[in-house]
PDB file of N, CA and C in Angstrom:
ATOM      1  N   MET A   1      -5.206  -4.007   1.687  1.00  0.00           N
ATOM      2  CA  MET A   1      -4.196  -4.251   0.687  1.00  0.00           C
ATOM      3  C   MET A   1      -3.661  -5.682   0.799  1.00  0.00           C
ATOM      4  N   ALA A   2      -3.577  -6.163   2.028  1.00  0.00           N
ATOM      5  CA  ALA A   2      -3.044  -7.512   2.221  1.00  0.00           C
ATOM      6  C   ALA A   2      -3.928  -8.545   1.539  1.00  0.00           C
ATOM      7  N   GLY A   3      -5.222  -8.408   1.670  1.00  0.00           N
ATOM      8  CA  GLY A   3      -6.137  -9.340   1.014  1.00  0.00           C
ATOM      9  C   GLY A   3      -6.025  -9.274  -0.501  1.00  0.00           C
ATOM     10  N   LEU A   4      -5.921  -8.067  -1.026  1.00  0.00           N
ATOM     11  CA  LEU A   4      -5.767  -7.917  -2.467  1.00  0.00           C
ATOM     12  C   LEU A   4      -4.461  -8.539  -2.961  1.00  0.00           C
ATOM     13  N   LEU A   5      -3.394  -8.386  -2.178  1.00  0.00           N
ATOM     14  CA  LEU A   5      -2.118  -8.963  -2.575  1.00  0.00           C
ATOM     15  C   LEU A   5      -2.153 -10.489  -2.549  1.00  0.00           C
ATOM     16  N   LEU A   6      -2.831 -11.048  -1.558  1.00  0.00           N
ATOM     17  CA  LEU A   6      -2.950 -12.510  -1.509  1.00  0.00           C
ATOM     18  C   LEU A   6      -3.776 -13.053  -2.666  1.00  0.00           C
ATOM     19  N   VAL A   7      -4.860 -12.378  -2.995  1.00  0.00           N
ATOM     20  CA  VAL A   7      -5.687 -12.805  -4.120  1.00  0.00           C
ATOM     21  C   VAL A   7      -4.897 -12.678  -5.416  1.00  0.00           C
ATOM     22  N   ARG A   8      -4.146 -11.607  -5.554  1.00  0.00           N
ATOM     23  CA  ARG A   8      -3.314 -11.415  -6.753  1.00  0.00           C
ATOM     24  C   ARG A   8      -2.273 -12.526  -6.859  1.00  0.00           C
ATOM     25  N   GLY A   9      -1.649 -12.868  -5.752  1.00  0.00           N
ATOM     26  CA  GLY A   9      -0.652 -13.939  -5.773  1.00  0.00           C
ATOM     27  C   GLY A   9      -1.239 -15.285  -6.116  1.00  0.00           C
ATOM     28  N   ALA A  10      -2.436 -15.553  -5.619  1.00  0.00           N
ATOM     29  CA  ALA A  10      -3.076 -16.838  -5.911  1.00  0.00           C
ATOM     30  C   ALA A  10      -3.580 -16.902  -7.350  1.00  0.00           C
ATOM     31  N   SER A  11      -3.992 -15.768  -7.884  1.00  0.00           N
ATOM     32  CA  SER A  11      -4.559 -15.779  -9.229  1.00  0.00           C
ATOM     33  C   SER A  11      -3.498 -15.857 -10.325  1.00  0.00           C
ATOM     34  N   CYS A  12      -2.265 -15.513 -10.016  1.00  0.00           N
ATOM     35  CA  CYS A  12      -1.239 -15.544 -11.063  1.00  0.00           C
ATOM     36  C   CYS A  12      -0.438 -16.851 -11.025  1.00  0.00           C
ATOM     37  N   GLU A  13      -1.016 -17.891 -10.468  1.00  0.00           N
ATOM     38  CA  GLU A  13      -0.351 -19.199 -10.412  1.00  0.00           C
ATOM     39  C   GLU A  13      -0.101 -19.752 -11.812  1.00  0.00           C
ATOM     40  N   ARG A  14      -1.056 -19.571 -12.695  1.00  0.00           N
ATOM     41  CA  ARG A  14      -0.925 -20.046 -14.072  1.00  0.00           C
ATOM     42  C   ARG A  14       0.177 -19.277 -14.813  1.00  0.00           C
ATOM     43  N   GLU A  15       0.223 -17.972 -14.561  1.00  0.00           N
ATOM     44  CA  GLU A  15       1.256 -17.140 -15.181  1.00  0.00           C
ATOM     45  C   GLU A  15       2.649 -17.581 -14.732  1.00  0.00           C
ATOM     46  N   MET A  16       2.796 -17.868 -13.449  1.00  0.00           N
ATOM     47  CA  MET A  16       4.089 -18.324 -12.933  1.00  0.00           C
ATOM     48  C   MET A  16       4.485 -19.669 -13.545  1.00  0.00           C
ATOM     49  N   ALA A  17       3.522 -20.556 -13.710  1.00  0.00           N
ATOM     50  CA  ALA A  17       3.820 -21.859 -14.325  1.00  0.00           C
ATOM     51  C   ALA A  17       4.279 -21.679 -15.765  1.00  0.00           C
ATOM     52  N   LEU A  18       3.665 -20.755 -16.468  1.00  0.00           N
ATOM     53  CA  LEU A  18       4.066 -20.487 -17.845  1.00  0.00           C
ATOM     54  C   LEU A  18       5.480 -19.906 -17.904  1.00  0.00           C
ATOM     55  N   ARG A  19       5.787 -19.009 -16.995  1.00  0.00           N
ATOM     56  CA  ARG A  19       7.129 -18.417 -16.959  1.00  0.00           C
ATOM     57  C   ARG A  19       8.200 -19.466 -16.632  1.00  0.00           C
ATOM     58  N   VAL A  20       7.874 -20.391 -15.727  1.00  0.00           N
ATOM     59  CA  VAL A  20       8.823 -21.474 -15.404  1.00  0.00           C
ATOM     60  C   VAL A  20       9.043 -22.361 -16.619  1.00  0.00           C
ATOM     61  N   SER A  21       7.967 -22.653 -17.329  1.00  0.00           N
ATOM     62  CA  SER A  21       8.107 -23.512 -18.509  1.00  0.00           C
ATOM     63  C   SER A  21       8.899 -22.829 -19.623  1.00  0.00           C
ATOM     64  N   LEU A  22       8.905 -21.505 -19.637  1.00  0.00           N
ATOM     65  CA  LEU A  22       9.691 -20.772 -20.625  1.00  0.00           C
ATOM     66  C   LEU A  22      11.135 -20.568 -20.196  1.00  0.00           C
ATOM     67  N   GLY A  23      11.464 -20.976 -18.971  1.00  0.00           N
ATOM     68  CA  GLY A  23      12.860 -20.936 -18.534  1.00  0.00           C
ATOM     69  C   GLY A  23      13.202 -19.886 -17.500  1.00  0.00           C
ATOM     70  N   ALA A  24      12.227 -19.235 -16.906  1.00  0.00           N
ATOM     71  CA  ALA A  24      12.521 -18.241 -15.878  1.00  0.00           C
ATOM     72  C   ALA A  24      12.992 -18.938 -14.608  1.00  0.00           C
ATOM     73  N   GLY A  25      13.992 -18.372 -13.970  1.00  0.00           N
ATOM     74  CA  GLY A  25      14.513 -18.940 -12.733  1.00  0.00           C
ATOM     75  C   GLY A  25      13.665 -18.563 -11.534  1.00  0.00           C
ATOM     76  N   ARG A  26      13.879 -19.279 -10.444  1.00  0.00           N
ATOM     77  CA  ARG A  26      13.108 -19.039  -9.214  1.00  0.00           C
ATOM     78  C   ARG A  26      13.365 -17.640  -8.659  1.00  0.00           C
ATOM     79  N   LEU A  27      14.618 -17.210  -8.704  1.00  0.00           N
ATOM     80  CA  LEU A  27      14.955 -15.874  -8.196  1.00  0.00           C
ATOM     81  C   LEU A  27      14.260 -14.795  -9.015  1.00  0.00           C
ATOM     82  N   ARG A  28      14.184 -14.984 -10.292  1.00  0.00           N
ATOM     83  CA  ARG A  28      13.511 -14.016 -11.177  1.00  0.00           C
ATOM     84  C   ARG A  28      12.029 -13.926 -10.838  1.00  0.00           C
ATOM     85  N   LEU A  29      11.403 -15.066 -10.578  1.00  0.00           N
ATOM     86  CA  LEU A  29       9.974 -15.074 -10.238  1.00  0.00           C
ATOM     87  C   LEU A  29       9.716 -14.420  -8.887  1.00  0.00           C
ATOM     88  N   VAL A  30      10.595 -14.699  -7.914  1.00  0.00           N
ATOM     89  CA  VAL A  30      10.443 -14.083  -6.592  1.00  0.00           C
ATOM     90  C   VAL A  30      10.637 -12.574  -6.702  1.00  0.00           C
ATOM     91  N   ARG A  31      11.624 -12.160  -7.489  1.00  0.00           N
ATOM     92  CA  ARG A  31      11.875 -10.730  -7.669  1.00  0.00           C
ATOM     93  C   ARG A  31      10.683 -10.045  -8.328  1.00  0.00           C
ATOM     94  N   GLN A  32      10.068 -10.686  -9.305  1.00  0.00           N
ATOM     95  CA  GLN A  32       8.892 -10.118  -9.958  1.00  0.00           C
ATOM     96  C   GLN A  32       7.716 -10.004  -8.989  1.00  0.00           C
ATOM     97  N   ALA A  33       7.490 -11.057  -8.213  1.00  0.00           N
ATOM     98  CA  ALA A  33       6.385 -11.030  -7.246  1.00  0.00           C
ATOM     99  C   ALA A  33       6.607  -9.943  -6.200  1.00  0.00           C
ATOM    100  N   LEU A  34       7.852  -9.792  -5.731  1.00  0.00           N
ATOM    101  CA  LEU A  34       8.139  -8.745  -4.749  1.00  0.00           C
ATOM    102  C   LEU A  34       7.969  -7.357  -5.345  1.00  0.00           C
ATOM    103  N   THR A  35       8.411  -7.170  -6.576  1.00  0.00           N
ATOM    104  CA  THR A  35       8.263  -5.866  -7.216  1.00  0.00           C
ATOM    105  C   THR A  35       6.792  -5.490  -7.353  1.00  0.00           C
ATOM    106  N   GLU A  36       5.977  -6.426  -7.814  1.00  0.00           N
ATOM    107  CA  GLU A  36       4.547  -6.152  -7.965  1.00  0.00           C
ATOM    108  C   GLU A  36       3.890  -5.861  -6.628  1.00  0.00           C
ATOM    109  N   SER A  37       4.187  -6.661  -5.623  1.00  0.00           N
ATOM    110  CA  SER A  37       3.526  -6.478  -4.330  1.00  0.00           C
ATOM    111  C   SER A  37       3.988  -5.191  -3.641  1.00  0.00           C
ATOM    112  N   LEU A  38       5.274  -4.859  -3.735  1.00  0.00           N
ATOM    113  CA  LEU A  38       5.751  -3.609  -3.131  1.00  0.00           C
ATOM    114  C   LEU A  38       5.160  -2.395  -3.829  1.00  0.00           C
ATOM    115  N   LEU A  39       5.064  -2.452  -5.140  1.00  0.00           N
ATOM    116  CA  LEU A  39       4.465  -1.346  -5.883  1.00  0.00           C
ATOM    117  C   LEU A  39       3.006  -1.156  -5.490  1.00  0.00           C
ATOM    118  N   LEU A  40       2.252  -2.252  -5.443  1.00  0.00           N
ATOM    119  CA  LEU A  40       0.842  -2.162  -5.068  1.00  0.00           C
ATOM    120  C   LEU A  40       0.667  -1.697  -3.624  1.00  0.00           C
ATOM    121  N   SER A  41       1.516  -2.177  -2.733  1.00  0.00           N
ATOM    122  CA  SER A  41       1.346  -1.794  -1.337  1.00  0.00           C
ATOM    123  C   SER A  41       1.720  -0.335  -1.112  1.00  0.00           C
ATOM    124  N   PHE A  42       2.775   0.155  -1.780  1.00  0.00           N
ATOM    125  CA  PHE A  42       3.123   1.570  -1.626  1.00  0.00           C
ATOM    126  C   PHE A  42       2.084   2.482  -2.265  1.00  0.00           C
ATOM    127  N   MET A  43       1.487   2.034  -3.357  1.00  0.00           N
ATOM    128  CA  MET A  43       0.400   2.827  -3.945  1.00  0.00           C
ATOM    129  C   MET A  43      -0.791   2.891  -2.984  1.00  0.00           C
ATOM    130  N   GLY A  44      -1.083   1.781  -2.319  1.00  0.00           N
ATOM    131  CA  GLY A  44      -2.159   1.773  -1.326  1.00  0.00           C
ATOM    132  C   GLY A  44      -1.835   2.652  -0.130  1.00  0.00           C
ATOM    133  N   GLY A  45      -0.582   2.630   0.317  1.00  0.00           N
ATOM    134  CA  GLY A  45      -0.176   3.488   1.429  1.00  0.00           C
ATOM    135  C   GLY A  45      -0.269   4.957   1.084  1.00  0.00           C
ATOM    136  N   LEU A  46       0.172   5.320  -0.117  1.00  0.00           N
ATOM    137  CA  LEU A  46       0.071   6.719  -0.545  1.00  0.00           C
ATOM    138  C   LEU A  46      -1.377   7.152  -0.687  1.00  0.00           C
ATOM    139  N   LEU A  47      -2.209   6.268  -1.206  1.00  0.00           N
ATOM    140  CA  LEU A  47      -3.630   6.580  -1.320  1.00  0.00           C
ATOM    141  C   LEU A  47      -4.264   6.754   0.065  1.00  0.00           C
ATOM    142  N   GLY A  48      -3.859   5.927   1.012  1.00  0.00           N
ATOM    143  CA  GLY A  48      -4.361   6.069   2.385  1.00  0.00           C
ATOM    144  C   GLY A  48      -3.934   7.381   3.023  1.00  0.00           C
ATOM    145  N   LEU A  49      -2.678   7.792   2.811  1.00  0.00           N
ATOM    146  CA  LEU A  49      -2.225   9.083   3.330  1.00  0.00           C
ATOM    147  C   LEU A  49      -2.961  10.245   2.672  1.00  0.00           C
ATOM    148  N   LEU A  50      -3.239  10.114   1.374  1.00  0.00           N
ATOM    149  CA  LEU A  50      -3.986  11.154   0.670  1.00  0.00           C
ATOM    150  C   LEU A  50      -5.404  11.267   1.212  1.00  0.00           C
ATOM    151  N   PHE A  51      -6.062  10.138   1.415  1.00  0.00           N
ATOM    152  CA  PHE A  51      -7.405  10.159   2.004  1.00  0.00           C
ATOM    153  C   PHE A  51      -7.386  10.726   3.421  1.00  0.00           C
ATOM    154  N   ALA A  52      -6.346  10.420   4.181  1.00  0.00           N
ATOM    155  CA  ALA A  52      -6.239  10.959   5.540  1.00  0.00           C
ATOM    156  C   ALA A  52      -6.095  12.473   5.510  1.00  0.00           C
ATOM    157  N   ALA A  53      -5.295  12.979   4.587  1.00  0.00           N
ATOM    158  CA  ALA A  53      -5.133  14.432   4.476  1.00  0.00           C
ATOM    159  C   ALA A  53      -6.445  15.093   4.063  1.00  0.00           C
ATOM    160  N   TRP A  54      -7.121  14.519   3.080  1.00  0.00           N
ATOM    161  CA  TRP A  54      -8.408  15.072   2.661  1.00  0.00           C
ATOM    162  C   TRP A  54      -9.440  14.991   3.782  1.00  0.00           C
ATOM    163  N   GLY A  55      -9.476  13.865   4.492  1.00  0.00           N
ATOM    164  CA  GLY A  55     -10.423  13.705   5.590  1.00  0.00           C
ATOM    165  C   GLY A  55     -10.160  14.676   6.724  1.00  0.00           C
ATOM    166  N   THR A  56      -8.874  14.924   7.006  1.00  0.00           N
ATOM    167  CA  THR A  56      -8.532  15.880   8.056  1.00  0.00           C
ATOM    168  C   THR A  56      -9.005  17.279   7.685  1.00  0.00           C
ATOM    169  N   ARG A  57      -8.758  17.665   6.438  1.00  0.00           N
ATOM    170  CA  ARG A  57      -9.227  18.986   5.991  1.00  0.00           C
ATOM    171  C   ARG A  57     -10.738  19.080   6.035  1.00  0.00           C
ATOM    172  N   LEU A  58     -11.413  18.006   5.644  1.00  0.00           N
ATOM    173  CA  LEU A  58     -12.877  18.000   5.669  1.00  0.00           C
ATOM    174  C   LEU A  58     -13.403  18.161   7.092  1.00  0.00           C
ATOM    175  N   ILE A  59     -12.825  17.437   8.029  1.00  0.00           N
ATOM    176  CA  ILE A  59     -13.272  17.532   9.423  1.00  0.00           C
ATOM    177  C   ILE A  59     -13.004  18.916   9.987  1.00  0.00           C
ATOM    178  N   VAL A  60     -11.828  19.481   9.685  1.00  0.00           N
ATOM    179  CA  VAL A  60     -11.507  20.832  10.154  1.00  0.00           C
ATOM    180  C   VAL A  60     -12.486  21.834   9.566  1.00  0.00           C
ATOM    181  N   ASN A  61     -12.821  21.709   8.288  1.00  0.00           N
ATOM    182  CA  ASN A  61     -13.780  22.630   7.676  1.00  0.00           C
ATOM    183  C   ASN A  61     -15.175  22.482   8.260  1.00  0.00           C
ATOM    184  N   ILE A  62     -15.572  21.259   8.582  1.00  0.00           N
ATOM    185  CA  ILE A  62     -16.892  21.056   9.191  1.00  0.00           C
ATOM    186  C   ILE A  62     -16.935  21.653  10.587  1.00  0.00           C
ATOM    187  N   VAL A  63     -15.870  21.440  11.369  1.00  0.00           N
ATOM    188  CA  VAL A  63     -15.835  21.985  12.727  1.00  0.00           C
ATOM    189  C   VAL A  63     -15.778  23.503  12.704  1.00  0.00           C
ATOM    190  N   ALA A  64     -15.044  24.067  11.749  1.00  0.00           N
ATOM    191  CA  ALA A  64     -14.861  25.517  11.706  1.00  0.00           C
ATOM    192  C   ALA A  64     -16.019  26.241  11.037  1.00  0.00           C
ATOM    193  N   SER A  65     -16.925  25.532  10.389  1.00  0.00           N
ATOM    194  CA  SER A  65     -18.020  26.220   9.705  1.00  0.00           C
ATOM    195  C   SER A  65     -19.005  26.795  10.707  1.00  0.00           C
ATOM    196  N   GLY A  66     -19.481  27.975  10.387  1.00  0.00           N
ATOM    197  CA  GLY A  66     -20.442  28.631  11.254  1.00  0.00           C
ATOM    198  C   GLY A  66     -19.818  29.375  12.413  1.00  0.00           C
ATOM    199  N   ARG A  67     -18.540  29.373  12.521  1.00  0.00           N
ATOM    200  CA  ARG A  67     -17.860  30.077  13.605  1.00  0.00           C
ATOM    201  C   ARG A  67     -17.306  31.403  13.072  1.00  0.00           C
ATOM    202  N   ASP A  68     -17.066  32.309  13.982  1.00  0.00           N
ATOM    203  CA  ASP A  68     -16.474  33.591  13.614  1.00  0.00           C
ATOM    204  C   ASP A  68     -14.965  33.510  13.726  1.00  0.00           C
ATOM    205  N   ARG A  69     -14.288  33.594  12.570  1.00  0.00           N
ATOM    206  CA  ARG A  69     -12.830  33.638  12.493  1.00  0.00           C
ATOM    207  C   ARG A  69     -12.155  32.589  13.365  1.00  0.00           C
ATOM    208  N   MET A  70     -12.432  31.364  13.093  1.00  0.00           N
ATOM    209  CA  MET A  70     -11.807  30.272  13.814  1.00  0.00           C
ATOM    210  C   MET A  70     -10.771  29.622  12.900  1.00  0.00           C
ATOM    211  N   ASP A  71      -9.516  29.735  13.260  1.00  0.00           N
ATOM    212  CA  ASP A  71      -8.452  29.154  12.460  1.00  0.00           C
ATOM    213  C   ASP A  71      -7.970  27.870  13.124  1.00  0.00           C
ATOM    214  N   LEU A  72      -8.125  26.792  12.410  1.00  0.00           N
ATOM    215  CA  LEU A  72      -7.644  25.512  12.901  1.00  0.00           C
ATOM    216  C   LEU A  72      -6.580  25.004  11.933  1.00  0.00           C
ATOM    217  N   SER A  73      -5.478  24.567  12.471  1.00  0.00           N
ATOM    218  CA  SER A  73      -4.459  23.967  11.621  1.00  0.00           C
ATOM    219  C   SER A  73      -4.086  22.611  12.197  1.00  0.00           C
ATOM    220  N   VAL A  74      -3.960  21.657  11.314  1.00  0.00           N
ATOM    221  CA  VAL A  74      -3.589  20.305  11.710  1.00  0.00           C
ATOM    222  C   VAL A  74      -2.303  19.961  10.967  1.00  0.00           C
ATOM    223  N   PRO A  75      -1.186  20.001  11.675  1.00  0.00           N
ATOM    224  CA  PRO A  75       0.082  19.699  10.986  1.00  0.00           C
ATOM    225  C   PRO A  75       0.216  18.196  10.710  1.00  0.00           C
ATOM    226  N   VAL A  76       1.018  17.876   9.719  1.00  0.00           N
ATOM    227  CA  VAL A  76       1.290  16.475   9.390  1.00  0.00           C
ATOM    228  C   VAL A  76       2.321  15.953  10.387  1.00  0.00           C
ATOM    229  N   ALA A  77       1.959  14.923  11.104  1.00  0.00           N
ATOM    230  CA  ALA A  77       2.867  14.341  12.094  1.00  0.00           C
ATOM    231  C   ALA A  77       3.744  13.291  11.422  1.00  0.00           C
ATOM    232  N   LEU A  78       4.970  13.207  11.877  1.00  0.00           N
ATOM    233  CA  LEU A  78       5.933  12.293  11.271  1.00  0.00           C
ATOM    234  C   LEU A  78       5.676  10.837  11.660  1.00  0.00           C
ATOM    235  N   VAL A  79       5.212  10.602  12.868  1.00  0.00           N
ATOM    236  CA  VAL A  79       5.022   9.227  13.351  1.00  0.00           C
ATOM    237  C   VAL A  79       3.982   8.463  12.525  1.00  0.00           C
ATOM    238  N   PRO A  80       2.798   9.027  12.239  1.00  0.00           N
ATOM    239  CA  PRO A  80       1.853   8.268  11.399  1.00  0.00           C
ATOM    240  C   PRO A  80       2.366   8.029   9.980  1.00  0.00           C
ATOM    241  N   VAL A  81       3.114   8.972   9.435  1.00  0.00           N
ATOM    242  CA  VAL A  81       3.659   8.788   8.094  1.00  0.00           C
ATOM    243  C   VAL A  81       4.696   7.666   8.098  1.00  0.00           C
ATOM    244  N   LEU A  82       5.560   7.643   9.114  1.00  0.00           N
ATOM    245  CA  LEU A  82       6.554   6.572   9.227  1.00  0.00           C
ATOM    246  C   LEU A  82       5.903   5.220   9.476  1.00  0.00           C
ATOM    247  N   PHE A  83       4.854   5.207  10.290  1.00  0.00           N
ATOM    248  CA  PHE A  83       4.132   3.962  10.531  1.00  0.00           C
ATOM    249  C   PHE A  83       3.503   3.444   9.243  1.00  0.00           C
ATOM    250  N   THR A  84       2.922   4.350   8.462  1.00  0.00           N
ATOM    251  CA  THR A  84       2.327   3.951   7.190  1.00  0.00           C
ATOM    252  C   THR A  84       3.384   3.397   6.248  1.00  0.00           C
ATOM    253  N   ALA A  85       4.542   4.047   6.180  1.00  0.00           N
ATOM    254  CA  ALA A  85       5.618   3.575   5.310  1.00  0.00           C
ATOM    255  C   ALA A  85       6.112   2.201   5.755  1.00  0.00           C
ATOM    256  N   PHE A  86       6.306   2.015   7.061  1.00  0.00           N
ATOM    257  CA  PHE A  86       6.764   0.726   7.570  1.00  0.00           C
ATOM    258  C   PHE A  86       5.736  -0.373   7.326  1.00  0.00           C
ATOM    259  N   SER A  87       4.472  -0.071   7.590  1.00  0.00           N
ATOM    260  CA  SER A  87       3.447  -1.103   7.423  1.00  0.00           C
ATOM    261  C   SER A  87       3.247  -1.466   5.955  1.00  0.00           C
ATOM    262  N   THR A  88       3.373  -0.501   5.043  1.00  0.00           N
ATOM    263  CA  THR A  88       3.258  -0.838   3.624  1.00  0.00           C
ATOM    264  C   THR A  88       4.456  -1.655   3.161  1.00  0.00           C
ATOM    265  N   LEU A  89       5.642  -1.341   3.659  1.00  0.00           N
ATOM    266  CA  LEU A  89       6.828  -2.130   3.309  1.00  0.00           C
ATOM    267  C   LEU A  89       6.699  -3.556   3.836  1.00  0.00           C
ATOM    268  N   PHE A  90       6.287  -3.693   5.088  1.00  0.00           N
ATOM    269  CA  PHE A  90       6.121  -5.009   5.695  1.00  0.00           C
ATOM    270  C   PHE A  90       5.052  -5.821   4.970  1.00  0.00           C
ATOM    271  N   THR A  91       3.918  -5.180   4.671  1.00  0.00           N
ATOM    272  CA  THR A  91       2.839  -5.862   3.973  1.00  0.00           C
ATOM    273  C   THR A  91       3.278  -6.302   2.577  1.00  0.00           C
ATOM    274  N   GLY A  92       3.974  -5.409   1.877  1.00  0.00           N
ATOM    275  CA  GLY A  92       4.437  -5.748   0.529  1.00  0.00           C
ATOM    276  C   GLY A  92       5.430  -6.898   0.543  1.00  0.00           C
ATOM    277  N   LEU A  93       6.354  -6.893   1.487  1.00  0.00           N
ATOM    278  CA  LEU A  93       7.333  -7.982   1.570  1.00  0.00           C
ATOM    279  C   LEU A  93       6.677  -9.290   1.978  1.00  0.00           C
ATOM    280  N   LEU A  94       5.868  -9.238   3.014  1.00  0.00           N
ATOM    281  CA  LEU A  94       5.263 -10.469   3.524  1.00  0.00           C
ATOM    282  C   LEU A  94       4.330 -11.100   2.495  1.00  0.00           C
ATOM    283  N   PHE A  95       3.407 -10.316   1.968  1.00  0.00           N
ATOM    284  CA  PHE A  95       2.419 -10.889   1.066  1.00  0.00           C
ATOM    285  C   PHE A  95       2.927 -11.009  -0.362  1.00  0.00           C
ATOM    286  N   GLY A  96       4.115 -10.507  -0.627  1.00  0.00           N
ATOM    287  CA  GLY A  96       4.749 -10.770  -1.902  1.00  0.00           C
ATOM    288  C   GLY A  96       5.558 -12.055  -1.874  1.00  0.00           C
ATOM    289  N   LEU A  97       6.099 -12.383  -0.710  1.00  0.00           N
ATOM    290  CA  LEU A  97       6.901 -13.606  -0.590  1.00  0.00           C
ATOM    291  C   LEU A  97       6.033 -14.853  -0.403  1.00  0.00           C
ATOM    292  N   VAL A  98       4.909 -14.709   0.252  1.00  0.00           N
ATOM    293  CA  VAL A  98       4.059 -15.877   0.520  1.00  0.00           C
ATOM    294  C   VAL A  98       3.623 -16.577  -0.772  1.00  0.00           C
ATOM    295  N   PRO A  99       3.061 -15.876  -1.761  1.00  0.00           N
ATOM    296  CA  PRO A  99       2.705 -16.592  -2.994  1.00  0.00           C
ATOM    297  C   PRO A  99       3.923 -17.065  -3.777  1.00  0.00           C
ATOM    298  N   ALA A 100       5.034 -16.335  -3.685  1.00  0.00           N
ATOM    299  CA  ALA A 100       6.235 -16.721  -4.431  1.00  0.00           C
ATOM    300  C   ALA A 100       6.851 -18.005  -3.881  1.00  0.00           C
ATOM    301  N   VAL A 101       6.750 -18.182  -2.581  1.00  0.00           N
ATOM    302  CA  VAL A 101       7.338 -19.380  -1.959  1.00  0.00           C
ATOM    303  C   VAL A 101       6.371 -20.532  -2.133  1.00  0.00           C
TER     304      VAL A 101
END
């Protein structure tokens, strides 16, 4: 996600120049860049958590196949979810501010 955010920030240089020429303030541009980057990073984090949940179920089903009455449950742990939320927030802030500055 970080690479995609950096490429997005570099590619919208022309758009930012046009907005400045139309009278947009620096704070408005920074706020727009942060909003876009946070939205993209949280969407990536949610997609990663969704893939992790699907992958966990897939692995449990593969391990449990062919066995007689084997019940496996994998609960959702809070620490990986919090880590994902923190890392997406950090990534969105960092890579949203770099192109804006």
